[in-house]
Structures are given as structure tokens and as C-alpha cells.
Amino acid sequence: MPFIPTFTQTVIPSNIRAFAPLVKHNNTTNTTLFIDNTFRLGILNTGVSPSISYDNTNKYFDLFSGNTTTFLLSNMNLRPTPTPTPTPSRPPFLPSINLYLNGSYTNLNLRSYYQQQTGDYSQIPVQVNFILQTGVIGSNNVSTPGVETGKWPSGSKITLFISAGTTVAGKGGNGGINTNGGAGGPAINLNYNLTIVNSGIIGGGGGGGGGVGPNPLFNVPQNFYPGGGGAGISAGSGAAGNCTSNSGTTTAGGNGCCQNVPPFITTPACGGKGGNLGVNGASGNKDSFLYKSYSGGAAGKAINLNGYSATVNNINTGVVYGAVS
């Protein structure tokens, strides 16, 4: 008597996620198709190999008995392509967040300030406007900028508004005593692209003035004439020697100390003036080879690009003192 295949039809949900990769048939009787609670297709109680086709329109399998003992379901290529997990991306429109700054700030990291104010530590791109309405932003160290952008999620748009009457500056360099003047620090350092709308002042710290001291080649009285401190927030300090030089102010460098050099020289020796915002300090000045003049310190940058880009829009009274590079 010829072998007559049995037919079993079972409707399958369209959202099948996984299949048993290998099914063994150990029994010569029944052919059964089932789906368990994980949507896994299995074949039980058969001693014959099924021939399976899938009706994509009606979502069911046709199962016919055959005469082989093993069938690899993964060859059916019916596993749906999984939907990839989307990565954070900038939406077509980013709502603007305004953060207002009023008062005195030191070494302000914009990213850290945003996170502290909003509680948002995600990597979703944002659009943030930092608005310095009143006050100043500066630094207490020439190695640290007044403003650091911090690193932002790709696609973010960050803008710093500097209002009229406000200042963002680096620290001023200290005046030299028997040394060169100290370097000033940067006002703004970029770790991300930044747009600046400036109606106030941006300035790198002024360099400290160079001092005047005894020429080490000669045995002369140990007289010292310090340079003045550079401008900045905070300003560079003057120093005491035979006379005392002046510290800088927010925008102007301090004067170096000037005095006649005893006992034989009647013309004065002067420490160099500290630089104004964005300006190098002056070298010390003397008329005698018995004393040595030292160089003024370099000014800090107004904006240290650090490989990123800054778009600066100066409006009305807005000025930038120092290099943007």
C-alpha cells in the first residue's frame, strides 16, 4: 500500500521571534505542530521528516510527512529581521533651554553647570543658551580658563550670551621680581563648538611685567624692581622689592616699580608694566649694564579654539581682547 502523507495546518502568529534550530523525530506515528509561549516552532512525535511550506498571506505552515529523521528549521529563513535599537540623534527641532547667569563665577564649565541645573546627564543632543546678564566670569589659575565649554553630545547647539557691562576674562599673570613676568590665562577654552553673542568684554589675562634685578655677572647691591601684575579676573599680583609694583585690575595692567639705582646710577630702574586684557606684559627697563632686565609675560588667549570653532558676534559695545586661535 503506498505511503499517504498526513496534512496538518496550524495558524501561526505573525510576530514569531525564534525557532528551535534542530528537531529530531523519534516516533513513527503522529506529526504535530505547536507553538509555545516564546513563539518557538517545534515538531513532536514523528518518525518521518516533514516537508514544510509557509503561507505568508494567511500566516500558517503546511506540514507533510516524509521519510527522513532530521529537519533543520533554521533553513526556513522565516525569522523576522530584528528592528535595530535607535541611537540618540538630534531631532528636527531642538527646544531651547535658557540658563541665566548673575553674579561672579570662577572656572565655569558650561556642560557641568547645565547638568547640575537640569539633572540631564544623557547623551541626547540639546540646544542651550547661557546668558550672562550681570557679573563676571573669571579664573583663579592661569592654567584654567574662565569658561570651559565641556564636551556635549553630537548635534547640540551651545550659545553664550555676554551682556553689556559684563566680562569674561582669564587670570592675569603675576609681575616678575628678579624674573620674567608670568603668563596670563585664557578667557574661554573650547571642547565643543560654541556660538558667542557678545555685548560685553572677552579678554585673555594680561601678562605680568618683567622685573629688573642685579646682573649675575657682577657683584652689585641686591636691588630688585618688580614688574606689575597683568589685568584679568582675577588680576595678576604686583610684588615687593626696593619698591612695590601694582597689581592689575579687571581690564588694566599694574605699573612696575620705579626707583633710582644706588649708589652710582641716578636714572631709575623700572619693572615692566603688566599687560591690559589680551596684551603681553612689558619688559623691565634699566640704563645700567650692572642690572638685568627681564621680559614681560605672554597674554592669555581670549578664546582657545583647541581644534573646535567659535562663531563670535560682537554687538554694539562688545569687544574681544586677545587672540582667538
Protein backbone atom coordinates (compact mmCIF):
# COMPACT_ATOMS: atom_id res chain seq x y z
CA MET A 1 0.00 0.00 0.00
CA PRO A 2 1.56 3.37 -0.95
CA PHE A 3 2.51 5.84 1.77
CA ILE A 4 -0.09 8.61 2.10
CA PRO A 5 1.23 11.79 3.76
CA THR A 6 -0.82 13.30 6.52
CA PHE A 7 -1.56 17.01 6.45
CA THR A 8 -1.62 19.35 9.44
CA GLN A 9 -2.39 23.06 9.19
CA THR A 10 -1.92 25.43 12.12
CA VAL A 11 -2.23 29.23 12.15
CA ILE A 12 0.95 30.92 13.38
CA PRO A 13 1.15 34.46 14.86
CA SER A 14 2.96 36.88 12.60
CA ASN A 15 5.38 38.05 15.30
CA ILE A 16 7.37 34.81 15.66
CA ARG A 17 10.74 35.68 17.18
CA ALA A 18 12.68 32.40 17.37
CA PHE A 19 12.64 28.84 16.14
CA ALA A 20 14.08 25.61 17.51
CA PRO A 21 17.25 25.24 15.40
CA LEU A 22 17.19 21.44 15.19
CA VAL A 23 14.35 18.97 15.60
CA LYS A 24 14.76 15.17 15.88
CA HIS A 25 11.96 12.77 15.03
CA ASN A 26 11.89 9.67 17.20
CA ASN A 27 8.46 8.23 16.63
CA THR A 28 6.92 6.69 13.50
CA THR A 29 3.43 7.90 14.24
CA ASN A 30 1.84 11.34 14.52
CA THR A 31 3.02 14.63 13.19
CA THR A 32 2.24 17.61 15.44
CA LEU A 33 2.90 21.30 15.02
CA PHE A 34 2.85 23.56 18.09
CA ILE A 35 3.86 26.99 19.38
CA ASP A 36 4.94 27.51 22.97
CA ASN A 37 4.85 30.76 24.99
CA THR A 38 8.09 32.02 23.43
CA PHE A 39 6.77 31.54 19.90
CA ARG A 40 9.11 28.62 19.26
CA LEU A 41 8.11 26.24 16.47
CA GLY A 42 8.60 22.56 17.26
CA ILE A 43 7.79 19.21 15.68
CA LEU A 44 6.96 16.31 18.01
CA ASN A 45 6.27 12.58 17.81
CA THR A 46 7.22 11.91 14.21
CA GLY A 47 9.41 9.28 12.74
CA VAL A 48 9.40 10.96 9.38
CA SER A 49 10.81 14.18 8.07
CA PRO A 50 8.22 16.87 7.39
CA SER A 51 8.18 18.95 4.28
CA ILE A 52 7.17 22.45 5.37
CA SER A 53 5.94 25.44 3.41
CA TYR A 54 4.81 28.81 4.77
CA ASP A 55 1.77 30.72 3.55
CA ASN A 56 2.78 34.37 4.10
CA THR A 57 -0.69 35.69 3.31
CA ASN A 58 -2.64 33.57 5.78
CA LYS A 59 0.24 33.09 8.22
CA TYR A 60 0.29 29.32 8.54
CA PHE A 61 2.58 26.37 7.93
CA ASP A 62 1.71 23.33 5.82
CA LEU A 63 3.26 20.22 7.30
CA PHE A 64 3.57 16.95 5.33
CA SER A 65 5.21 13.76 6.48
CA GLY A 66 8.31 12.48 4.72
CA ASN A 67 10.85 9.76 5.45
CA THR A 68 13.96 11.47 6.90
CA THR A 69 14.72 11.64 10.60
CA THR A 70 16.03 15.19 10.94
CA PHE A 71 14.92 18.61 9.70
CA LEU A 72 16.77 21.90 10.29
CA LEU A 73 14.19 24.61 10.84
CA SER A 74 16.70 27.45 10.61
CA ASN A 75 16.92 26.76 6.86
CA MET A 76 13.37 28.02 6.51
CA ASN A 77 14.64 31.64 6.72
CA LEU A 78 11.44 32.74 8.42
CA ARG A 79 13.00 34.60 11.34
CA PRO A 80 11.99 38.28 11.07
CA THR A 81 14.77 40.85 10.77
CA PRO A 82 15.06 42.50 14.19
CA THR A 83 14.46 46.23 14.42
CA PRO A 84 17.76 47.93 15.38
CA THR A 85 17.84 49.94 18.58
CA PRO A 86 17.88 53.60 17.54
CA THR A 87 20.87 55.67 18.61
CA PRO A 88 20.31 59.13 20.09
CA SER A 89 20.08 61.68 17.33
CA ARG A 90 19.24 65.29 17.05
CA PRO A 91 15.50 65.74 16.46
CA PRO A 92 14.39 68.06 13.64
CA PHE A 93 13.68 70.77 16.21
CA LEU A 94 15.56 71.17 19.48
CA PRO A 95 13.70 73.05 22.19
CA SER A 96 15.83 75.89 23.51
CA ILE A 97 16.86 75.89 27.17
CA ASN A 98 17.88 79.22 28.73
CA LEU A 99 20.20 79.29 31.75
CA TYR A 100 20.73 82.71 33.30
CA LEU A 101 23.98 83.71 34.99
CA ASN A 102 24.05 86.53 37.53
CA GLY A 103 26.97 87.13 39.87
CA SER A 104 30.61 86.12 39.98
CA TYR A 105 31.70 82.76 38.55
CA THR A 106 35.11 81.10 38.64
CA ASN A 107 36.30 78.41 36.22
CA LEU A 108 32.79 77.82 34.85
CA ASN A 109 32.33 74.55 32.93
CA LEU A 110 29.18 75.01 30.83
CA ARG A 111 28.44 71.29 30.48
CA SER A 112 28.78 70.65 34.22
CA TYR A 113 26.66 73.71 35.04
CA TYR A 114 23.93 72.53 32.65
CA GLN A 115 23.89 69.07 34.22
CA GLN A 116 23.71 70.50 37.74
CA GLN A 117 20.86 72.85 36.84
CA THR A 118 18.75 70.41 34.82
CA GLY A 119 19.68 66.95 36.07
CA ASP A 120 20.17 65.89 32.44
CA TYR A 121 23.22 63.62 32.19
CA SER A 122 22.08 61.90 28.98
CA GLN A 123 23.81 61.89 25.61
CA ILE A 124 20.76 63.32 23.82
CA PRO A 125 21.65 66.49 21.87
CA VAL A 126 20.32 69.75 23.30
CA GLN A 127 20.17 73.44 22.48
CA VAL A 128 21.25 75.59 25.41
CA ASN A 129 21.63 79.36 25.76
CA PHE A 130 23.85 80.53 28.62
CA ILE A 131 23.01 84.16 29.32
CA LEU A 132 25.42 86.22 31.44
CA GLN A 133 23.06 89.01 32.50
CA THR A 134 25.15 90.61 35.26
CA GLY A 135 28.53 89.98 36.83
CA VAL A 136 31.76 88.41 35.67
CA ILE A 137 33.32 85.05 34.87
CA GLY A 138 37.00 84.57 35.62
CA SER A 139 39.65 82.16 36.79
CA ASN A 140 41.86 81.68 39.84
CA ASN A 141 44.64 79.96 37.88
CA VAL A 142 46.40 80.88 34.64
CA SER A 143 46.26 77.20 33.60
CA THR A 144 42.46 77.13 33.84
CA PRO A 145 40.13 79.20 31.61
CA GLY A 146 37.37 81.40 32.90
CA VAL A 147 34.87 79.44 30.79
CA GLU A 148 35.24 75.85 29.60
CA THR A 149 32.59 74.53 27.21
CA GLY A 150 32.94 70.91 28.30
CA LYS A 151 32.07 68.08 25.91
CA TRP A 152 28.49 67.94 24.58
CA PRO A 153 26.52 65.25 22.73
CA SER A 154 26.98 65.47 18.98
CA GLY A 155 24.33 67.67 17.38
CA SER A 156 23.98 70.00 20.37
CA LYS A 157 23.91 73.76 19.82
CA ILE A 158 25.55 75.82 22.57
CA THR A 159 25.41 79.63 22.72
CA LEU A 160 26.94 82.01 25.26
CA PHE A 161 25.36 85.47 25.52
CA ILE A 162 27.56 88.10 27.21
CA SER A 163 25.50 91.15 28.12
CA ALA A 164 26.69 94.76 28.11
CA GLY A 165 28.52 95.59 31.34
CA THR A 166 29.69 92.01 31.93
CA THR A 167 33.14 90.50 31.45
CA VAL A 168 34.62 87.07 30.75
CA ALA A 169 38.37 87.06 31.35
CA GLY A 170 41.34 84.87 32.11
CA LYS A 171 43.59 85.30 35.11
CA GLY A 172 46.32 87.93 34.86
CA GLY A 173 49.99 86.98 35.10
CA ASN A 174 51.99 88.00 38.18
CA GLY A 175 54.72 90.59 37.97
CA GLY A 176 58.29 89.31 37.95
CA ILE A 177 60.76 90.27 40.69
CA ASN A 178 64.13 89.01 39.53
CA THR A 179 62.41 87.01 36.78
CA ASN A 180 60.28 87.29 33.68
CA GLY A 181 56.68 88.27 34.18
CA GLY A 182 54.14 85.49 34.50
CA ALA A 183 51.89 84.48 31.58
CA GLY A 184 48.19 85.30 31.61
CA GLY A 185 45.49 82.67 31.26
CA PRO A 186 42.76 82.12 28.62
CA ALA A 187 39.26 83.55 28.98
CA ILE A 188 37.44 80.75 27.11
CA ASN A 189 38.55 77.24 26.17
CA LEU A 190 36.61 75.10 23.70
CA ASN A 191 35.94 71.39 23.96
CA TYR A 192 32.93 71.79 21.66
CA ASN A 193 31.84 74.29 19.00
CA LEU A 194 30.45 77.49 20.52
CA THR A 195 28.47 80.48 19.35
CA ILE A 196 29.08 83.71 21.28
CA VAL A 197 26.83 86.76 21.15
CA ASN A 198 28.96 89.41 22.82
CA SER A 199 27.83 92.81 24.01
CA GLY A 200 30.38 92.90 26.83
CA ILE A 201 34.07 92.12 27.18
CA ILE A 202 36.03 88.95 26.46
CA GLY A 203 39.73 89.11 27.29
CA GLY A 204 42.69 86.89 27.89
CA GLY A 205 44.62 87.59 31.08
CA GLY A 206 47.31 90.22 30.62
CA GLY A 207 50.93 89.14 31.00
CA GLY A 208 52.84 90.19 34.09
CA GLY A 209 55.53 92.85 33.77
CA GLY A 210 59.15 91.74 33.79
CA GLY A 211 61.36 92.66 36.71
CA VAL A 212 64.78 94.27 36.99
CA GLY A 213 67.48 92.76 39.18
CA PRO A 214 71.25 92.57 39.66
CA ASN A 215 73.29 91.30 36.75
CA PRO A 216 74.68 87.96 37.95
CA LEU A 217 77.95 88.71 36.15
CA PHE A 218 78.76 91.50 38.57
CA ASN A 219 78.99 91.88 42.30
CA VAL A 220 76.50 94.68 42.83
CA PRO A 221 73.96 95.52 45.54
CA GLN A 222 70.97 93.21 45.54
CA ASN A 223 68.31 95.65 44.45
CA PHE A 224 65.08 94.42 42.89
CA TYR A 225 62.46 96.30 40.88
CA PRO A 226 59.39 94.14 40.27
CA GLY A 227 57.01 94.27 37.35
CA GLY A 228 53.30 94.97 37.64
CA GLY A 229 50.55 92.38 37.57
CA GLY A 230 48.54 91.69 34.42
CA ALA A 231 44.85 92.50 34.01
CA GLY A 232 42.31 89.76 34.49
CA ILE A 233 39.73 88.09 36.67
CA SER A 234 41.46 87.53 38.94
CA ALA A 235 44.17 90.10 38.23
CA GLY A 236 47.87 89.35 38.45
CA SER A 237 49.72 90.42 41.58
CA GLY A 238 52.45 93.01 41.89
CA ALA A 239 55.45 92.34 44.12
CA ALA A 240 57.67 93.97 46.67
CA GLY A 241 61.35 94.74 46.12
CA ASN A 242 63.15 98.01 46.61
CA CYS A 243 59.73 99.36 45.88
CA THR A 244 56.36 97.72 45.34
CA SER A 245 54.72 97.25 41.97
CA ASN A 246 51.00 97.43 41.43
CA SER A 247 48.61 94.56 40.88
CA GLY A 248 46.43 94.60 37.79
CA THR A 249 42.72 95.38 37.63
CA THR A 250 39.92 93.73 35.70
CA THR A 251 40.93 95.42 32.45
CA ALA A 252 44.28 97.19 33.04
CA GLY A 253 47.76 96.01 33.99
CA GLY A 254 49.54 97.38 37.06
CA ASN A 255 52.58 99.64 36.91
CA GLY A 256 56.02 98.28 37.64
CA CYS A 257 58.08 99.69 40.50
CA CYS A 258 60.49 102.50 39.51
CA GLN A 259 63.39 103.83 41.57
CA ASN A 260 66.87 105.27 41.19
CA VAL A 261 69.55 102.61 41.43
CA PRO A 262 72.04 103.44 44.19
CA PRO A 263 74.79 104.27 44.68
CA PHE A 264 76.20 105.39 41.32
CA ILE A 265 73.24 105.42 38.96
CA THR A 266 70.79 108.26 39.17
CA THR A 267 68.42 107.17 36.42
CA PRO A 268 65.62 104.94 37.62
CA ALA A 269 65.23 101.23 37.02
CA CYS A 270 61.64 100.18 36.45
CA GLY A 271 59.88 96.91 36.46
CA GLY A 272 57.70 96.41 33.39
CA LYS A 273 54.04 97.35 33.33
CA GLY A 274 51.59 94.47 33.43
CA GLY A 275 49.60 93.91 30.26
CA ASN A 276 45.99 95.00 29.83
CA LEU A 277 43.49 92.29 28.87
CA GLY A 278 44.90 90.34 25.93
CA VAL A 279 48.23 92.22 26.00
CA ASN A 280 51.72 90.95 26.83
CA GLY A 281 53.47 92.37 29.88
CA ALA A 282 56.25 94.89 29.28
CA SER A 283 59.91 94.09 29.92
CA GLY A 284 61.78 95.74 32.76
CA ASN A 285 63.75 98.87 31.94
CA LYS A 286 67.20 99.92 33.21
CA ASP A 287 70.05 102.09 31.98
CA SER A 288 72.99 100.28 33.56
CA PHE A 289 74.68 97.09 32.48
CA LEU A 290 75.11 96.35 36.17
CA TYR A 291 71.46 95.32 36.25
CA LYS A 292 69.45 92.97 34.15
CA SER A 293 66.01 93.45 32.63
CA TYR A 294 63.59 90.56 32.37
CA SER A 295 60.87 90.03 29.77
CA GLY A 296 57.18 90.53 30.28
CA GLY A 297 54.84 87.55 30.33
CA ALA A 298 52.68 86.48 27.39
CA ALA A 299 48.98 87.32 27.42
CA GLY A 300 46.40 84.58 27.58
CA LYS A 301 44.11 83.93 24.63
CA ALA A 302 40.65 85.41 24.50
CA ILE A 303 39.41 82.11 23.05
CA ASN A 304 41.48 78.94 22.84
CA LEU A 305 39.87 77.05 19.96
CA ASN A 306 41.58 73.77 20.77
CA GLY A 307 40.61 72.38 17.35
CA TYR A 308 36.96 73.48 17.56
CA SER A 309 35.18 76.50 16.08
CA ALA A 310 33.86 79.65 17.69
CA THR A 311 31.36 81.95 15.99
CA VAL A 312 31.67 85.37 17.65
CA ASN A 313 29.09 88.07 17.02
CA ASN A 314 30.09 91.37 18.65
CA ILE A 315 27.07 93.61 19.14
CA ASN A 316 27.20 97.33 19.96
CA THR A 317 29.88 97.69 22.66
CA GLY A 318 31.08 94.08 22.50
CA VAL A 319 34.88 93.71 22.31
CA VAL A 320 37.39 90.88 22.32
CA TYR A 321 40.91 91.40 23.71
CA GLY A 322 43.47 88.77 22.84
CA ALA A 323 43.99 86.01 20.34
CA VAL A 324 41.28 83.71 19.02
CA SER A 325 43.20 80.66 17.86
